[in-house]
């Protein structure tokens, strides 16, 4: 798990620090194939869902 909750490098996973093949699709692929990061992303998504008018759709 990354030591900070601030994502400072879009070429690395904000949860584990692994290098991503790309900041967009590479991140999605990484999250889908790395259970720990998928769980962390789910937690993050739950946290921001109430901050968005219509909730998280992505």
N, C-alpha and C. Protein backbone atom coordinates (compact mmCIF):
# COMPACT_ATOMS: atom_id res chain seq x y z
N UNK A 1 0.84 -1.17 0.00
CA UNK A 1 0.00 0.00 0.00
C UNK A 1 0.89 1.23 0.00
N UNK A 2 0.53 2.19 -0.79
CA UNK A 2 1.29 3.44 -0.86
C UNK A 2 1.23 4.13 0.50
N UNK A 3 2.26 4.90 0.81
CA UNK A 3 2.35 5.54 2.12
C UNK A 3 1.57 6.84 2.19
N UNK A 4 1.03 7.30 1.10
CA UNK A 4 0.27 8.54 1.08
C UNK A 4 -1.04 8.34 0.33
N UNK A 5 -2.03 9.16 0.63
CA UNK A 5 -3.28 9.08 -0.10
C UNK A 5 -3.32 10.07 -1.25
N UNK A 6 -2.20 10.72 -1.54
CA UNK A 6 -2.12 11.68 -2.63
C UNK A 6 -1.45 11.00 -3.82
N UNK A 7 -2.13 10.95 -4.94
CA UNK A 7 -1.58 10.32 -6.13
C UNK A 7 -0.73 11.35 -6.85
N UNK A 8 0.57 11.20 -6.78
CA UNK A 8 1.50 12.20 -7.31
C UNK A 8 2.13 11.79 -8.64
N UNK A 9 2.02 10.53 -9.02
CA UNK A 9 2.65 10.04 -10.25
C UNK A 9 1.65 9.19 -11.02
N UNK A 10 1.04 9.72 -12.08
CA UNK A 10 0.02 8.97 -12.80
C UNK A 10 0.54 7.74 -13.52
N UNK A 11 1.86 7.57 -13.57
CA UNK A 11 2.44 6.38 -14.20
C UNK A 11 2.62 5.24 -13.20
N UNK A 12 2.21 5.47 -11.95
CA UNK A 12 2.31 4.44 -10.90
C UNK A 12 0.98 4.30 -10.20
N UNK A 13 0.69 3.09 -9.77
CA UNK A 13 -0.55 2.83 -9.03
C UNK A 13 -0.51 3.60 -7.71
N UNK A 14 -1.57 4.34 -7.39
CA UNK A 14 -1.57 5.09 -6.14
C UNK A 14 -1.70 4.19 -4.91
N UNK A 15 -2.05 2.94 -5.10
CA UNK A 15 -2.26 2.04 -3.97
C UNK A 15 -1.05 1.17 -3.66
N UNK A 16 -0.33 0.73 -4.68
CA UNK A 16 0.82 -0.14 -4.43
C UNK A 16 2.13 0.41 -4.98
N UNK A 17 2.05 1.43 -5.83
CA UNK A 17 3.25 2.03 -6.38
C UNK A 17 3.79 1.35 -7.63
N UNK A 18 3.12 0.30 -8.11
CA UNK A 18 3.59 -0.41 -9.31
C UNK A 18 3.52 0.51 -10.53
N UNK A 19 4.46 0.32 -11.45
CA UNK A 19 4.45 1.08 -12.69
C UNK A 19 3.29 0.61 -13.55
N UNK A 20 2.56 1.58 -14.13
CA UNK A 20 1.42 1.29 -14.98
C UNK A 20 1.82 1.41 -16.45
N UNK A 21 1.17 0.64 -17.31
CA UNK A 21 1.47 0.74 -18.74
C UNK A 21 0.97 2.06 -19.31
N UNK A 22 -0.05 2.63 -18.68
CA UNK A 22 -0.56 3.95 -19.04
C UNK A 22 -1.39 4.46 -17.87
N UNK A 23 -1.53 5.78 -17.73
CA UNK A 23 -2.29 6.32 -16.61
C UNK A 23 -3.79 6.00 -16.68
N UNK A 24 -4.35 5.77 -17.85
CA UNK A 24 -5.79 5.52 -17.98
C UNK A 24 -6.11 4.04 -18.01
N UNK A 25 -6.06 3.47 -19.21
CA UNK A 25 -6.40 2.06 -19.39
C UNK A 25 -5.46 1.15 -18.61
N UNK A 26 -4.20 1.55 -18.50
CA UNK A 26 -3.23 0.76 -17.73
C UNK A 26 -3.61 0.67 -16.27
N UNK A 27 -4.14 1.77 -15.73
CA UNK A 27 -4.59 1.75 -14.35
C UNK A 27 -5.78 0.81 -14.18
N UNK A 28 -6.74 0.89 -15.09
CA UNK A 28 -7.92 0.02 -15.03
C UNK A 28 -7.51 -1.44 -15.13
N UNK A 29 -6.62 -1.75 -16.07
CA UNK A 29 -6.13 -3.13 -16.22
C UNK A 29 -5.45 -3.61 -14.95
N UNK A 30 -4.62 -2.75 -14.38
CA UNK A 30 -3.88 -3.10 -13.16
C UNK A 30 -4.85 -3.39 -12.02
N UNK A 31 -5.83 -2.52 -11.83
CA UNK A 31 -6.79 -2.70 -10.74
C UNK A 31 -7.59 -4.00 -10.94
N UNK A 32 -7.93 -4.31 -12.18
CA UNK A 32 -8.70 -5.52 -12.44
C UNK A 32 -7.91 -6.80 -12.23
N UNK A 33 -6.59 -6.72 -12.27
CA UNK A 33 -5.76 -7.92 -12.13
C UNK A 33 -4.99 -7.99 -10.82
N UNK A 34 -5.14 -6.99 -9.95
CA UNK A 34 -4.43 -6.96 -8.67
C UNK A 34 -5.46 -6.83 -7.55
N UNK A 35 -5.80 -7.93 -6.90
CA UNK A 35 -6.88 -7.91 -5.90
C UNK A 35 -6.73 -6.85 -4.81
N UNK A 36 -5.50 -6.65 -4.32
CA UNK A 36 -5.30 -5.66 -3.26
C UNK A 36 -5.64 -4.26 -3.74
N UNK A 37 -5.25 -3.95 -4.97
CA UNK A 37 -5.52 -2.63 -5.53
C UNK A 37 -7.00 -2.49 -5.89
N UNK A 38 -7.61 -3.59 -6.31
CA UNK A 38 -9.04 -3.56 -6.61
C UNK A 38 -9.83 -3.23 -5.34
N UNK A 39 -9.43 -3.84 -4.22
CA UNK A 39 -10.08 -3.54 -2.93
C UNK A 39 -9.87 -2.10 -2.52
N UNK A 40 -8.63 -1.62 -2.66
CA UNK A 40 -8.31 -0.23 -2.29
C UNK A 40 -9.06 0.75 -3.18
N UNK A 41 -9.17 0.45 -4.46
CA UNK A 41 -9.91 1.31 -5.38
C UNK A 41 -11.39 1.33 -5.01
N UNK A 42 -11.93 0.17 -4.63
CA UNK A 42 -13.32 0.11 -4.19
C UNK A 42 -13.56 0.96 -2.96
N UNK A 43 -12.63 0.93 -2.02
CA UNK A 43 -12.74 1.77 -0.83
C UNK A 43 -12.70 3.24 -1.20
N UNK A 44 -11.76 3.61 -2.07
CA UNK A 44 -11.66 5.00 -2.52
C UNK A 44 -12.95 5.44 -3.21
N UNK A 45 -13.46 4.58 -4.08
CA UNK A 45 -14.69 4.90 -4.82
C UNK A 45 -15.86 5.10 -3.86
N UNK A 46 -15.95 4.27 -2.82
CA UNK A 46 -17.00 4.43 -1.82
C UNK A 46 -16.87 5.77 -1.09
N UNK A 47 -15.64 6.19 -0.84
CA UNK A 47 -15.41 7.47 -0.15
C UNK A 47 -15.85 8.67 -0.98
N UNK A 48 -15.62 8.62 -2.29
CA UNK A 48 -15.93 9.78 -3.12
C UNK A 48 -17.34 9.75 -3.70
N UNK A 49 -18.01 8.62 -3.60
CA UNK A 49 -19.34 8.49 -4.19
C UNK A 49 -20.30 9.58 -3.70
N UNK A 50 -20.31 9.87 -2.42
CA UNK A 50 -21.21 10.89 -1.87
C UNK A 50 -20.79 12.31 -2.27
N UNK A 51 -19.56 12.48 -2.73
CA UNK A 51 -19.08 13.80 -3.13
C UNK A 51 -19.55 14.16 -4.54
N UNK A 52 -20.04 13.20 -5.28
CA UNK A 52 -20.47 13.42 -6.66
C UNK A 52 -21.99 13.47 -6.72
N UNK A 53 -22.52 14.43 -7.44
CA UNK A 53 -23.96 14.66 -7.48
C UNK A 53 -24.75 13.39 -7.83
N UNK A 54 -24.34 12.71 -8.84
CA UNK A 54 -25.07 11.50 -9.27
C UNK A 54 -24.32 10.23 -8.89
N UNK A 55 -23.37 10.32 -7.98
CA UNK A 55 -22.62 9.15 -7.57
C UNK A 55 -21.54 8.78 -8.57
N UNK A 56 -20.81 7.75 -8.27
CA UNK A 56 -19.72 7.28 -9.12
C UNK A 56 -20.28 6.39 -10.20
N UNK A 57 -20.01 6.71 -11.46
CA UNK A 57 -20.50 5.88 -12.56
C UNK A 57 -19.38 5.16 -13.28
N UNK A 58 -18.13 5.48 -12.98
CA UNK A 58 -17.00 4.91 -13.70
C UNK A 58 -16.48 3.65 -13.15
